[in-house]
Amino acid sequence: MPDLTGAIWRKSTRSNNGGDCVEVAGNLPGIVGLRDSKDPTGATLTFISTAWATFVEGVKGNSFRR
């Protein structure tokens, strides 16, 4: 498991309702972390930075629409 010590977690600026959100840590060398904001000590997912960037670009470009 990658070392997430020093991770700076942030929520989307669009999550203004304080409800169900994910938090992203993008300040780690070579990886991006994801976690549930309601359970910050729970499980995390990690992605290689380039894979995360590809995913984000796909979302922005509506690549996942049916």
C-alpha atoms as a PDB file:
ATOM      1  CA  MET A   1       0.000   0.000   0.000  1.00  0.00           C
ATOM      2  CA  PRO A   2       1.358   3.456  -0.859  1.00  0.00           C
ATOM      3  CA  ASP A   3       2.351   5.744   1.984  1.00  0.00           C
ATOM      4  CA  LEU A   4      -0.300   8.444   2.388  1.00  0.00           C
ATOM      5  CA  THR A   5       1.552  10.287   5.135  1.00  0.00           C
ATOM      6  CA  GLY A   6       1.472  13.975   4.332  1.00  0.00           C
ATOM      7  CA  ALA A   7      -1.585  13.702   2.098  1.00  0.00           C
ATOM      8  CA  ILE A   8      -3.563  16.923   1.838  1.00  0.00           C
ATOM      9  CA  TRP A   9      -7.190  15.942   1.306  1.00  0.00           C
ATOM     10  CA  ARG A  10      -9.707  18.202  -0.410  1.00  0.00           C
ATOM     11  CA  LYS A  11     -13.373  18.014  -1.363  1.00  0.00           C
ATOM     12  CA  SER A  12     -14.864  19.273  -4.578  1.00  0.00           C
ATOM     13  CA  THR A  13     -15.807  22.928  -4.527  1.00  0.00           C
ATOM     14  CA  ARG A  14     -19.235  21.747  -5.702  1.00  0.00           C
ATOM     15  CA  SER A  15     -19.860  19.736  -2.532  1.00  0.00           C
ATOM     16  CA  ASN A  16     -21.348  22.664  -0.646  1.00  0.00           C
ATOM     17  CA  ASN A  17     -24.084  20.592   0.971  1.00  0.00           C
ATOM     18  CA  GLY A  18     -21.682  18.743   3.300  1.00  0.00           C
ATOM     19  CA  GLY A  19     -23.243  15.416   2.318  1.00  0.00           C
ATOM     20  CA  ASP A  20     -21.803  12.342   0.685  1.00  0.00           C
ATOM     21  CA  CYS A  21     -18.495  13.313  -0.869  1.00  0.00           C
ATOM     22  CA  VAL A  22     -15.169  11.900  -1.817  1.00  0.00           C
ATOM     23  CA  GLU A  23     -11.920  13.607  -0.968  1.00  0.00           C
ATOM     24  CA  VAL A  24      -8.881  13.641  -3.225  1.00  0.00           C
ATOM     25  CA  ALA A  25      -5.225  13.929  -2.250  1.00  0.00           C
ATOM     26  CA  GLY A  26      -3.234  15.045  -5.271  1.00  0.00           C
ATOM     27  CA  ASN A  27      -0.099  16.277  -3.553  1.00  0.00           C
ATOM     28  CA  LEU A  28       1.653  12.908  -3.293  1.00  0.00           C
ATOM     29  CA  PRO A  29       4.529  12.017  -5.624  1.00  0.00           C
ATOM     30  CA  GLY A  30       3.267   9.791  -8.424  1.00  0.00           C
ATOM     31  CA  ILE A  31      -0.083   8.842  -6.870  1.00  0.00           C
ATOM     32  CA  VAL A  32      -3.526  10.277  -6.169  1.00  0.00           C
ATOM     33  CA  GLY A  33      -5.567   9.140  -3.172  1.00  0.00           C
ATOM     34  CA  LEU A  34      -9.362   8.958  -2.829  1.00  0.00           C
ATOM     35  CA  ARG A  35     -11.392   8.440   0.346  1.00  0.00           C
ATOM     36  CA  ASP A  36     -14.922   8.823   1.699  1.00  0.00           C
ATOM     37  CA  SER A  37     -15.256  12.153   3.503  1.00  0.00           C
ATOM     38  CA  LYS A  38     -17.560  10.573   6.085  1.00  0.00           C
ATOM     39  CA  ASP A  39     -14.909   7.989   7.033  1.00  0.00           C
ATOM     40  CA  PRO A  40     -11.490   9.671   6.803  1.00  0.00           C
ATOM     41  CA  THR A  41      -9.757   6.850   8.689  1.00  0.00           C
ATOM     42  CA  GLY A  42     -11.366   4.162   6.532  1.00  0.00           C
ATOM     43  CA  ALA A  43     -10.254   2.594   3.296  1.00  0.00           C
ATOM     44  CA  THR A  44      -8.607   4.607   0.540  1.00  0.00           C
ATOM     45  CA  LEU A  45      -8.124   4.040  -3.148  1.00  0.00           C
ATOM     46  CA  THR A  46      -4.909   5.055  -4.863  1.00  0.00           C
ATOM     47  CA  PHE A  47      -4.229   5.639  -8.519  1.00  0.00           C
ATOM     48  CA  ILE A  48      -1.109   6.341 -10.530  1.00  0.00           C
ATOM     49  CA  SER A  49      -1.171  10.083 -11.267  1.00  0.00           C
ATOM     50  CA  THR A  50      -1.262   9.633 -15.040  1.00  0.00           C
ATOM     51  CA  ALA A  51      -4.211   7.210 -14.804  1.00  0.00           C
ATOM     52  CA  TRP A  52      -6.111   9.680 -12.614  1.00  0.00           C
ATOM     53  CA  ALA A  53      -5.396  12.516 -15.062  1.00  0.00           C
ATOM     54  CA  THR A  54      -6.733  10.389 -17.930  1.00  0.00           C
ATOM     55  CA  PHE A  55      -9.889   9.620 -15.938  1.00  0.00           C
ATOM     56  CA  VAL A  56     -10.477  13.300 -15.094  1.00  0.00           C
ATOM     57  CA  GLU A  57     -10.033  14.326 -18.738  1.00  0.00           C
ATOM     58  CA  GLY A  58     -12.528  11.636 -19.744  1.00  0.00           C
ATOM     59  CA  VAL A  59     -15.070  12.969 -17.261  1.00  0.00           C
ATOM     60  CA  LYS A  60     -14.563  16.536 -18.455  1.00  0.00           C
ATOM     61  CA  GLY A  61     -14.937  15.435 -22.070  1.00  0.00           C
ATOM     62  CA  ASN A  62     -18.108  13.393 -21.382  1.00  0.00           C
ATOM     63  CA  SER A  63     -16.375  10.206 -22.522  1.00  0.00           C
ATOM     64  CA  PHE A  64     -18.484   8.124 -20.147  1.00  0.00           C
ATOM     65  CA  ARG A  65     -21.907   9.195 -21.409  1.00  0.00           C
ATOM     66  CA  ARG A  66     -24.155   6.603 -22.939  1.00  0.00           C
END
